[in-house]
């Protein structure tokens, strides 16, 4: 076989096998990169929530870890409570905007379920629900609808 035919055959083999393999590797790496980005975003959001919980411990007089509304607060405490709720709403909105989709793959649904659990936990508190009309103006409209729905569902559960 002449040298040129061998080169031509090798060129065809590279085209037949190498190009599809290169495309497969590219797609695989892109998918892996997307998963890593999602994981990084989820970790950053989780860190934000952990920081909020630490902040709530620094303001233990507000009893933010209680399931019931905090009563008997003075004006300064009510202001701090509202500020804490505003921080929480901002964190929840950020999570909603970057992590929520109506039709998510199962992996993302599992991650989102933990955020929905956090939101529901806070929506069980009457003082948090009562503060929502003051906290939600200016927030993403779809997020506002979402958290109001959760608040209504949790309020109904509290009555049952």
N, C-alpha and C. Protein backbone atom coordinates (compact mmCIF):
# COMPACT_ATOMS: atom_id res chain seq x y z
N UNK A 1 0.84 -1.18 0.00
CA UNK A 1 0.00 0.00 0.00
C UNK A 1 0.88 1.24 0.00
N UNK A 2 0.61 2.13 -0.93
CA UNK A 2 1.43 3.34 -0.97
C UNK A 2 1.20 4.19 0.29
N UNK A 3 2.22 4.96 0.57
CA UNK A 3 2.24 5.80 1.77
C UNK A 3 1.05 6.77 1.81
N UNK A 4 0.69 7.35 0.71
CA UNK A 4 -0.42 8.31 0.63
C UNK A 4 -1.75 7.64 0.96
N UNK A 5 -1.95 6.42 0.51
CA UNK A 5 -3.19 5.70 0.82
C UNK A 5 -3.27 5.40 2.31
N UNK A 6 -2.14 5.08 2.91
CA UNK A 6 -2.12 4.82 4.36
C UNK A 6 -2.49 6.10 5.12
N UNK A 7 -1.92 7.22 4.71
CA UNK A 7 -2.25 8.49 5.35
C UNK A 7 -3.73 8.83 5.17
N UNK A 8 -4.23 8.58 3.98
CA UNK A 8 -5.64 8.85 3.70
C UNK A 8 -6.53 7.97 4.57
N UNK A 9 -6.18 6.69 4.72
CA UNK A 9 -6.96 5.78 5.54
C UNK A 9 -6.90 6.21 7.02
N UNK A 10 -5.72 6.60 7.48
CA UNK A 10 -5.58 7.07 8.86
C UNK A 10 -6.41 8.34 9.07
N UNK A 11 -6.42 9.20 8.09
CA UNK A 11 -7.21 10.42 8.16
C UNK A 11 -8.70 10.09 8.28
N UNK A 12 -9.15 9.11 7.52
CA UNK A 12 -10.56 8.69 7.59
C UNK A 12 -10.88 8.10 8.96
N UNK A 13 -9.97 7.29 9.49
CA UNK A 13 -10.18 6.69 10.82
C UNK A 13 -10.29 7.77 11.89
N UNK A 14 -9.43 8.77 11.80
CA UNK A 14 -9.50 9.87 12.76
C UNK A 14 -10.83 10.59 12.63
N UNK A 15 -11.26 10.81 11.41
CA UNK A 15 -12.55 11.49 11.19
C UNK A 15 -13.70 10.64 11.70
N UNK A 16 -13.69 9.36 11.43
CA UNK A 16 -14.78 8.47 11.81
C UNK A 16 -14.84 8.29 13.32
N UNK A 17 -13.71 8.08 13.96
CA UNK A 17 -13.70 7.78 15.39
C UNK A 17 -13.31 8.98 16.26
N UNK A 18 -12.36 9.75 15.80
CA UNK A 18 -11.83 10.84 16.61
C UNK A 18 -12.80 11.98 16.81
N UNK A 19 -13.48 12.38 15.73
CA UNK A 19 -14.41 13.50 15.82
C UNK A 19 -15.57 13.20 16.75
N UNK A 20 -16.26 12.06 16.62
CA UNK A 20 -17.33 11.76 17.57
C UNK A 20 -16.81 11.65 19.01
N UNK A 21 -15.62 11.08 19.18
CA UNK A 21 -15.05 10.98 20.52
C UNK A 21 -14.77 12.37 21.09
N UNK A 22 -14.24 13.25 20.28
CA UNK A 22 -13.97 14.62 20.73
C UNK A 22 -15.27 15.33 21.12
N UNK A 23 -16.31 15.14 20.33
CA UNK A 23 -17.61 15.75 20.64
C UNK A 23 -18.15 15.19 21.94
N UNK A 24 -18.06 13.87 22.11
CA UNK A 24 -18.53 13.24 23.35
C UNK A 24 -17.78 13.79 24.56
N UNK A 25 -16.47 13.88 24.47
CA UNK A 25 -15.67 14.39 25.58
C UNK A 25 -16.03 15.85 25.88
N UNK A 26 -16.23 16.65 24.84
CA UNK A 26 -16.60 18.05 25.03
C UNK A 26 -17.94 18.16 25.76
N UNK A 27 -18.93 17.41 25.31
CA UNK A 27 -20.26 17.44 25.94
C UNK A 27 -20.18 16.95 27.39
N UNK A 28 -19.43 15.89 27.61
CA UNK A 28 -19.26 15.35 28.96
C UNK A 28 -18.62 16.38 29.89
N UNK A 29 -17.59 17.05 29.43
CA UNK A 29 -16.90 18.06 30.24
C UNK A 29 -17.81 19.26 30.51
N UNK A 30 -18.59 19.65 29.52
CA UNK A 30 -19.53 20.76 29.71
C UNK A 30 -20.57 20.42 30.77
N UNK A 31 -21.09 19.21 30.71
CA UNK A 31 -22.09 18.76 31.69
C UNK A 31 -21.48 18.72 33.08
N UNK A 32 -20.26 18.21 33.17
CA UNK A 32 -19.57 18.13 34.46
C UNK A 32 -19.33 19.53 35.02
N UNK A 33 -18.98 20.47 34.16
CA UNK A 33 -18.74 21.85 34.58
C UNK A 33 -20.05 22.48 35.09
N UNK A 34 -21.16 22.21 34.42
CA UNK A 34 -22.46 22.72 34.86
C UNK A 34 -22.82 22.19 36.24
N UNK A 35 -22.59 20.90 36.45
CA UNK A 35 -22.87 20.28 37.76
C UNK A 35 -22.00 20.93 38.83
N UNK A 36 -20.74 21.17 38.53
CA UNK A 36 -19.85 21.82 39.49
C UNK A 36 -20.31 23.25 39.80
N UNK A 37 -20.76 23.97 38.78
CA UNK A 37 -21.27 25.32 39.00
C UNK A 37 -22.51 25.30 39.88
N UNK A 38 -23.41 24.36 39.61
CA UNK A 38 -24.62 24.24 40.43
C UNK A 38 -24.26 23.92 41.88
N UNK A 39 -23.30 23.04 42.06
CA UNK A 39 -22.86 22.67 43.41
C UNK A 39 -22.26 23.87 44.12
N UNK A 40 -21.48 24.66 43.40
CA UNK A 40 -20.88 25.86 43.99
C UNK A 40 -21.94 26.87 44.40
N UNK A 41 -22.93 27.06 43.55
CA UNK A 41 -24.03 27.99 43.88
C UNK A 41 -24.79 27.49 45.09
N UNK A 42 -25.09 26.21 45.12
CA UNK A 42 -25.81 25.64 46.25
C UNK A 42 -25.00 25.82 47.54
N UNK A 43 -23.70 25.61 47.46
CA UNK A 43 -22.85 25.76 48.65
C UNK A 43 -22.82 27.21 49.12
N UNK A 44 -22.75 28.15 48.19
CA UNK A 44 -22.75 29.56 48.57
C UNK A 44 -24.06 29.94 49.24
N UNK A 45 -25.18 29.45 48.71
CA UNK A 45 -26.46 29.72 49.33
C UNK A 45 -26.55 29.09 50.72
N UNK A 46 -26.07 27.87 50.84
CA UNK A 46 -26.07 27.20 52.14
C UNK A 46 -25.22 27.96 53.15
N UNK A 47 -24.08 28.45 52.70
CA UNK A 47 -23.23 29.26 53.57
C UNK A 47 -23.96 30.53 54.02
N UNK A 48 -24.70 31.13 53.11
CA UNK A 48 -25.48 32.32 53.46
C UNK A 48 -26.51 32.02 54.53
N UNK A 49 -27.18 30.89 54.41
CA UNK A 49 -28.18 30.52 55.41
C UNK A 49 -27.51 30.20 56.75
N UNK A 50 -26.38 29.54 56.70
CA UNK A 50 -25.63 29.25 57.93
C UNK A 50 -25.21 30.56 58.60
N UNK A 51 -24.77 31.52 57.82
CA UNK A 51 -24.41 32.83 58.38
C UNK A 51 -25.61 33.52 59.00
N UNK A 52 -26.78 33.38 58.37
CA UNK A 52 -27.98 33.96 58.95
C UNK A 52 -28.30 33.30 60.30
N UNK A 53 -28.15 31.99 60.37
CA UNK A 53 -28.42 31.29 61.64
C UNK A 53 -27.45 31.75 62.72
N UNK A 54 -26.20 31.96 62.35
CA UNK A 54 -25.22 32.49 63.32
C UNK A 54 -25.64 33.88 63.78
N UNK A 55 -26.09 34.69 62.85
CA UNK A 55 -26.55 36.03 63.18
C UNK A 55 -27.76 35.97 64.12
N UNK A 56 -28.64 35.02 63.87
CA UNK A 56 -29.82 34.90 64.74
C UNK A 56 -29.42 34.51 66.16
N UNK A 57 -28.34 33.75 66.29
CA UNK A 57 -27.84 33.41 67.63
C UNK A 57 -27.26 34.64 68.34
N UNK A 58 -26.69 35.54 67.57
CA UNK A 58 -26.15 36.77 68.15
C UNK A 58 -27.27 37.69 68.65
N UNK A 59 -28.47 37.47 68.15
CA UNK A 59 -29.64 38.26 68.56
C UNK A 59 -30.65 37.34 69.23
N UNK A 60 -30.16 36.60 70.20
CA UNK A 60 -31.00 35.58 70.83
C UNK A 60 -32.22 36.15 71.54
N UNK A 61 -32.17 37.44 71.91
CA UNK A 61 -33.32 38.04 72.57
C UNK A 61 -34.54 38.10 71.64
N UNK A 62 -34.33 37.95 70.34
CA UNK A 62 -35.44 37.97 69.38
C UNK A 62 -36.11 36.61 69.25
N UNK A 63 -35.49 35.59 69.83
CA UNK A 63 -36.02 34.23 69.84
C UNK A 63 -36.37 33.74 68.42
N UNK A 64 -35.44 33.93 67.52
CA UNK A 64 -35.66 33.56 66.12
C UNK A 64 -35.69 32.06 65.89
N UNK A 65 -35.13 31.30 66.79
CA UNK A 65 -35.13 29.84 66.62
C UNK A 65 -36.39 29.20 67.19
N UNK A 66 -37.26 30.01 67.74
CA UNK A 66 -38.53 29.50 68.26
C UNK A 66 -39.52 29.33 67.12
N UNK A 67 -40.40 28.36 67.26
CA UNK A 67 -41.42 28.15 66.22
C UNK A 67 -42.56 29.15 66.35
N UNK A 68 -42.68 29.76 67.50
CA UNK A 68 -43.77 30.70 67.74
C UNK A 68 -43.30 32.13 67.55
N UNK A 69 -44.24 33.00 67.28
CA UNK A 69 -43.93 34.42 67.12
C UNK A 69 -43.37 34.97 68.43
N UNK A 70 -42.42 35.88 68.32
CA UNK A 70 -41.83 36.52 69.49
C UNK A 70 -42.74 37.68 69.89
N UNK A 71 -43.19 37.65 71.14
CA UNK A 71 -44.08 38.70 71.65
C UNK A 71 -43.35 39.53 72.70
N UNK A 72 -43.91 40.70 72.99
CA UNK A 72 -43.38 41.56 74.05
C UNK A 72 -42.08 42.25 73.68
N UNK A 73 -41.86 42.52 72.41
CA UNK A 73 -40.63 43.18 71.98
C UNK A 73 -40.77 44.69 72.10
N UNK A 74 -39.67 45.36 72.43
CA UNK A 74 -39.68 46.82 72.42
C UNK A 74 -39.45 47.30 70.98
N UNK A 75 -39.49 48.61 70.76
CA UNK A 75 -39.35 49.16 69.41
C UNK A 75 -38.03 48.77 68.75
N UNK A 76 -36.95 48.84 69.50
CA UNK A 76 -35.63 48.50 68.94
C UNK A 76 -35.57 47.03 68.55
N UNK A 77 -36.14 46.16 69.36
CA UNK A 77 -36.16 44.73 69.06
C UNK A 77 -37.03 44.44 67.84
N UNK A 78 -38.17 45.13 67.74
CA UNK A 78 -39.03 44.95 66.56
C UNK A 78 -38.30 45.37 65.29
N UNK A 79 -37.54 46.46 65.37
CA UNK A 79 -36.76 46.90 64.20
C UNK A 79 -35.72 45.86 63.82
N UNK A 80 -35.03 45.31 64.80
CA UNK A 80 -34.02 44.28 64.52
C UNK A 80 -34.68 43.02 63.96
N UNK A 81 -35.84 42.65 64.51
CA UNK A 81 -36.55 41.47 64.02
C UNK A 81 -36.93 41.67 62.55
N UNK A 82 -37.45 42.83 62.23
CA UNK A 82 -37.82 43.11 60.84
C UNK A 82 -36.58 43.09 59.93
N UNK A 83 -35.47 43.62 60.41
CA UNK A 83 -34.23 43.59 59.62
C UNK A 83 -33.77 42.15 59.41
N UNK A 84 -33.89 41.32 60.42
CA UNK A 84 -33.51 39.91 60.28
C UNK A 84 -34.41 39.22 59.27
N UNK A 85 -35.70 39.50 59.33
CA UNK A 85 -36.62 38.92 58.35
C UNK A 85 -36.29 39.42 56.94
N UNK A 86 -35.88 40.68 56.81
CA UNK A 86 -35.51 41.22 55.49
C UNK A 86 -34.28 40.50 54.94
N UNK A 87 -33.31 40.22 55.80
CA UNK A 87 -32.12 39.46 55.38
C UNK A 87 -32.54 38.08 54.90
N UNK A 88 -33.44 37.47 55.65
CA UNK A 88 -33.91 36.13 55.30
C UNK A 88 -34.65 36.13 53.97
N UNK A 89 -35.51 37.10 53.76
CA UNK A 89 -36.25 37.21 52.50
C UNK A 89 -35.27 37.40 51.33
N UNK A 90 -34.25 38.22 51.52
CA UNK A 90 -33.26 38.43 50.46
C UNK A 90 -32.54 37.13 50.13
N UNK A 91 -32.21 36.36 51.15
CA UNK A 91 -31.55 35.06 50.93
C UNK A 91 -32.49 34.09 50.22
N UNK A 92 -33.74 34.03 50.67
CA UNK A 92 -34.70 33.14 50.04
C UNK A 92 -34.95 33.54 48.58
N UNK A 93 -35.02 34.84 48.32
CA UNK A 93 -35.24 35.29 46.94
C UNK A 93 -34.05 34.90 46.07
N UNK A 94 -32.84 35.08 46.58
CA UNK A 94 -31.65 34.71 45.82
C UNK A 94 -31.68 33.22 45.51
N UNK A 95 -32.03 32.41 46.51
CA UNK A 95 -32.12 30.96 46.28
C UNK A 95 -33.17 30.65 45.22
N UNK A 96 -34.31 31.32 45.30
CA UNK A 96 -35.38 31.09 44.34
C UNK A 96 -34.91 31.43 42.92
N UNK A 97 -34.24 32.57 42.79
CA UNK A 97 -33.84 33.03 41.46
C UNK A 97 -32.77 32.15 40.82
N UNK A 98 -31.87 31.60 41.61
CA UNK A 98 -30.79 30.83 41.02
C UNK A 98 -31.00 29.32 41.09
N UNK A 99 -31.91 28.86 41.94
CA UNK A 99 -32.03 27.41 42.13
C UNK A 99 -33.39 26.83 41.75
N UNK A 100 -34.41 27.66 41.60
CA UNK A 100 -35.74 27.13 41.35
C UNK A 100 -36.09 27.18 39.87
N UNK A 101 -36.70 26.11 39.41
CA UNK A 101 -37.29 26.03 38.07
C UNK A 101 -38.55 25.20 38.20
N UNK A 102 -39.58 25.51 37.43
CA UNK A 102 -40.81 24.72 37.54
C UNK A 102 -40.60 23.22 37.24
N UNK A 103 -39.83 22.90 36.22
CA UNK A 103 -39.60 21.50 35.84
C UNK A 103 -38.12 21.17 35.99
N UNK A 104 -37.70 20.93 37.24
CA UNK A 104 -36.28 20.68 37.51
C UNK A 104 -35.96 19.20 37.40
N UNK A 105 -34.71 18.91 37.04
CA UNK A 105 -34.27 17.51 37.12
C UNK A 105 -34.26 17.06 38.59
N UNK A 106 -34.26 15.78 38.80
CA UNK A 106 -34.37 15.23 40.16
C UNK A 106 -33.28 15.74 41.09
N UNK A 107 -32.06 15.85 40.63
CA UNK A 107 -30.95 16.33 41.46
C UNK A 107 -31.23 17.74 41.97
N UNK A 108 -31.71 18.60 41.10
CA UNK A 108 -32.03 19.98 41.50
C UNK A 108 -33.27 20.01 42.38
N UNK A 109 -34.22 19.13 42.14
CA UNK A 109 -35.42 19.07 42.98
C UNK A 109 -35.06 18.74 44.42
N UNK A 110 -34.12 17.81 44.60
CA UNK A 110 -33.69 17.44 45.95
C UNK A 110 -33.06 18.64 46.65
N UNK A 111 -32.23 19.37 45.93
CA UNK A 111 -31.61 20.56 46.52
C UNK A 111 -32.65 21.62 46.82
N UNK A 112 -33.58 21.82 45.90
CA UNK A 112 -34.59 22.84 46.12
C UNK A 112 -35.49 22.47 47.30
N UNK A 113 -35.75 21.20 47.49
CA UNK A 113 -36.62 20.76 48.59
C UNK A 113 -36.09 21.25 49.93
N UNK A 114 -34.79 21.30 50.11
CA UNK A 114 -34.24 21.79 51.37
C UNK A 114 -34.53 23.28 51.53
N UNK A 115 -34.46 24.05 50.44
CA UNK A 115 -34.79 25.48 50.53
C UNK A 115 -36.27 25.68 50.81
N UNK A 116 -37.09 24.88 50.17
CA UNK A 116 -38.53 25.00 50.46
C UNK A 116 -38.82 24.65 51.91
N UNK A 117 -38.12 23.67 52.45
CA UNK A 117 -38.29 23.33 53.87
C UNK A 117 -37.91 24.51 54.76
N UNK A 118 -36.79 25.19 54.44
CA UNK A 118 -36.40 26.37 55.22
C UNK A 118 -37.49 27.44 55.16
N UNK A 119 -38.00 27.69 53.95
CA UNK A 119 -39.03 28.71 53.78
C UNK A 119 -40.29 28.35 54.55
N UNK A 120 -40.69 27.10 54.46
CA UNK A 120 -41.88 26.66 55.18
C UNK A 120 -41.69 26.79 56.69
N UNK A 121 -40.52 26.46 57.16
CA UNK A 121 -40.23 26.57 58.58
C UNK A 121 -40.44 28.01 59.06
N UNK A 122 -39.95 28.96 58.30
CA UNK A 122 -40.11 30.36 58.69
C UNK A 122 -41.55 30.83 58.48
N UNK A 123 -42.21 30.31 57.47
CA UNK A 123 -43.61 30.70 57.22
C UNK A 123 -44.56 30.18 58.30
N UNK A 124 -44.11 29.23 59.09
CA UNK A 124 -44.94 28.76 60.21
C UNK A 124 -45.01 29.80 61.32
N UNK A 125 -44.03 30.68 61.36
CA UNK A 125 -44.02 31.73 62.39
C UNK A 125 -45.01 32.82 62.00
N UNK A 126 -45.92 33.12 62.89
CA UNK A 126 -46.93 34.14 62.61
C UNK A 126 -46.31 35.50 62.37
N UNK A 127 -45.29 35.88 63.14
CA UNK A 127 -44.69 37.20 62.96
C UNK A 127 -43.98 37.31 61.61
N UNK A 128 -43.41 36.23 61.12
CA UNK A 128 -42.79 36.25 59.79
C UNK A 128 -43.87 36.42 58.72
N UNK A 129 -44.94 35.65 58.83
CA UNK A 129 -46.04 35.77 57.85
C UNK A 129 -46.62 37.19 57.87
N UNK A 130 -46.79 37.73 59.06
CA UNK A 130 -47.36 39.08 59.17
C UNK A 130 -46.44 40.15 58.59
N UNK A 131 -45.15 39.89 58.58
CA UNK A 131 -44.19 40.87 58.05
C UNK A 131 -44.07 40.80 56.52
N UNK A 132 -44.55 39.74 55.90
CA UNK A 132 -44.38 39.57 54.45
C UNK A 132 -44.90 40.76 53.63
N UNK A 133 -46.09 41.32 53.94
CA UNK A 133 -46.53 42.46 53.12
C UNK A 133 -45.54 43.64 53.15
N UNK A 134 -44.85 43.79 54.24
CA UNK A 134 -43.86 44.86 54.36
C UNK A 134 -42.54 44.48 53.69
N UNK A 135 -42.23 43.20 53.64
CA UNK A 135 -40.94 42.73 53.14
C UNK A 135 -40.92 42.47 51.63
N UNK A 136 -42.05 42.15 51.05
CA UNK A 136 -42.05 41.67 49.66
C UNK A 136 -42.12 42.74 48.57
N UNK A 137 -42.60 43.95 48.84
CA UNK A 137 -42.58 44.94 47.74
C UNK A 137 -41.15 45.14 47.22
N UNK A 138 -41.03 45.12 45.91
CA UNK A 138 -39.73 45.28 45.28
C UNK A 138 -39.00 43.97 45.03
N UNK A 139 -39.50 42.89 45.60
CA UNK A 139 -38.87 41.58 45.36
C UNK A 139 -39.39 41.02 44.03
N UNK A 140 -38.75 39.99 43.56
CA UNK A 140 -39.16 39.35 42.31
C UNK A 140 -40.63 38.92 42.42
N UNK A 141 -41.47 39.29 41.46
CA UNK A 141 -42.90 38.98 41.56
C UNK A 141 -43.20 37.48 41.67
N UNK A 142 -42.49 36.67 40.91
CA UNK A 142 -42.73 35.22 40.98
C UNK A 142 -42.32 34.66 42.34
N UNK A 143 -41.23 35.16 42.89
CA UNK A 143 -40.82 34.74 44.23
C UNK A 143 -41.87 35.16 45.26
N UNK A 144 -42.37 36.38 45.12
CA UNK A 144 -43.37 36.88 46.07
C UNK A 144 -44.62 35.98 46.06
N UNK A 145 -45.06 35.60 44.87
CA UNK A 145 -46.21 34.70 44.76
C UNK A 145 -45.89 33.37 45.42
N UNK A 146 -44.70 32.87 45.17
CA UNK A 146 -44.28 31.56 45.70
C UNK A 146 -44.27 31.56 47.23
N UNK A 147 -43.65 32.56 47.82
CA UNK A 147 -43.53 32.55 49.28
C UNK A 147 -44.87 32.87 49.94
N UNK A 148 -45.69 33.69 49.30
CA UNK A 148 -47.04 33.92 49.85
C UNK A 148 -47.85 32.63 49.86
N UNK A 149 -47.71 31.85 48.81
CA UNK A 149 -48.42 30.56 48.76
C UNK A 149 -47.95 29.65 49.89
N UNK A 150 -46.64 29.59 50.09
CA UNK A 150 -46.12 28.77 51.19
C UNK A 150 -46.64 29.28 52.53
N UNK A 151 -46.67 30.59 52.70
CA UNK A 151 -47.15 31.17 53.96
C UNK A 151 -48.62 30.82 54.19
N UNK A 152 -49.43 30.89 53.14
CA UNK A 152 -50.85 30.53 53.27
C UNK A 152 -51.01 29.06 53.63
N UNK A 153 -50.24 28.20 52.99
CA UNK A 153 -50.31 26.77 53.29
C UNK A 153 -49.91 26.47 54.73
N UNK A 154 -48.85 27.12 55.18
CA UNK A 154 -48.38 26.88 56.55
C UNK A 154 -49.35 27.47 57.58
N UNK A 155 -49.95 28.62 57.26
CA UNK A 155 -50.95 29.20 58.17
C UNK A 155 -52.14 28.26 58.30
N UNK A 156 -52.56 27.67 57.18
CA UNK A 156 -53.69 26.73 57.20
C UNK A 156 -53.33 25.48 58.02
N UNK A 157 -52.11 25.03 57.92
CA UNK A 157 -51.68 23.86 58.71
C UNK A 157 -51.67 24.18 60.20
N UNK A 158 -51.28 25.41 60.54
CA UNK A 158 -51.26 25.81 61.94
C UNK A 158 -52.65 25.85 62.54
N UNK A 159 -53.64 26.15 61.69
CA UNK A 159 -55.02 26.21 62.18
C UNK A 159 -55.62 24.81 62.35
N UNK A 160 -55.13 23.87 61.55
CA UNK A 160 -55.68 22.51 61.58
C UNK A 160 -55.26 21.74 62.83
